[in-house]
Protein backbone atom coordinates (compact mmCIF):
# COMPACT_ATOMS: atom_id res chain seq x y z
CA MET A 1 -8.37 5.46 10.31
CA SER A 2 -4.73 4.42 12.01
CA GLY A 3 -2.64 1.31 11.35
CA LEU A 4 -2.76 -1.06 8.41
CA GLY A 5 -4.18 -3.63 10.75
CA PRO A 6 -4.47 -6.94 9.36
CA LEU A 7 -4.28 -7.80 5.52
CA PRO A 8 -5.41 -11.09 3.89
CA PRO A 9 -2.30 -13.58 3.82
CA HIS A 10 -1.59 -13.16 -0.20
CA PHE A 11 -0.84 -9.45 0.83
CA ALA A 12 1.74 -10.46 3.42
CA ARG A 13 5.12 -9.38 1.57
CA GLU A 14 3.39 -6.00 0.76
CA ALA A 15 2.06 -5.50 4.62
CA ALA A 16 5.90 -6.29 5.33
CA ARG A 17 7.24 -3.81 2.67
CA LEU A 18 5.00 -1.35 3.90
CA ARG A 19 6.05 -1.68 7.54
CA GLN A 20 9.60 -1.80 6.75
CA ALA A 21 9.23 1.59 4.58
CA GLY A 22 7.60 3.41 7.85
CA ILE A 23 4.15 3.59 6.20
CA ASP A 24 1.94 2.28 9.05
CA SER A 25 -1.34 3.74 8.49
CA TRP A 26 -4.22 3.63 5.62
CA SER A 27 -3.82 7.59 5.25
CA ALA A 28 -0.16 7.26 4.62
CA LEU A 29 -0.84 4.61 2.21
CA ALA A 30 -3.40 6.64 0.38
CA SER A 31 -0.92 9.68 0.31
CA LEU A 32 1.68 7.68 -1.82
CA PRO A 33 2.35 8.94 -5.39
CA ASP A 34 2.46 6.14 -8.01
CA GLN A 35 6.32 6.75 -8.44
CA LYS A 36 6.74 5.64 -4.73
CA LEU A 37 4.69 2.65 -4.95
CA ARG A 38 6.56 1.53 -7.79
CA GLU A 39 9.70 1.72 -5.71
CA LEU A 40 8.53 -0.18 -3.02
CA GLY A 41 7.40 -2.84 -5.46
CA ALA A 42 10.86 -2.66 -7.03
CA ALA A 43 12.93 -3.20 -3.84
CA ALA A 44 13.90 -6.66 -2.44
CA GLY A 45 11.38 -8.45 -0.34
CA GLY A 46 9.23 -9.59 -2.96
CA ALA A 47 5.97 -7.04 -2.53
CA SER A 48 4.17 -6.66 -5.95
CA GLU A 49 3.74 -2.97 -7.28
CA ALA A 50 0.37 -4.37 -8.74
CA ARG A 51 -0.74 -5.20 -5.39
CA LEU A 52 0.56 -2.12 -3.51
CA LEU A 53 -1.50 0.02 -6.62
CA ARG A 54 -4.73 -1.97 -5.80
CA LEU A 55 -4.37 -1.65 -2.28
CA ARG A 56 -4.34 2.26 -2.70
CA ALA A 57 -7.11 2.19 -4.91
CA GLU A 58 -9.09 0.34 -2.65
CA ILE A 59 -8.71 2.99 -0.23
CA LEU A 60 -9.19 5.74 -2.16
CA GLU A 61 -12.46 4.22 -3.65
CA ALA A 62 -13.71 3.34 -0.02
CA ARG A 63 -12.92 7.07 0.74
CA GLY A 64 -15.00 7.99 -2.29
CA GLN A 65 -12.00 9.89 -3.95
CA GLY A 66 -11.50 7.53 -6.82
CA MET A 67 -7.93 7.59 -8.97
CA ARG A 68 -7.02 11.14 -9.52
């Protein structure tokens, strides 16, 4: 799957932060380790670490991989 596509409006800050960091696909987001998501959430821009982790979890769940 390529491109993050539109996310719900309440994920606007997270989507902007991911694009700013060069993360432009679901695969790229799914492969990020917890620490990288925490760094992205802690950076300026208002992205929520919890929402970034939730997005990744939803991707992995949709792929049937669950959390490891």
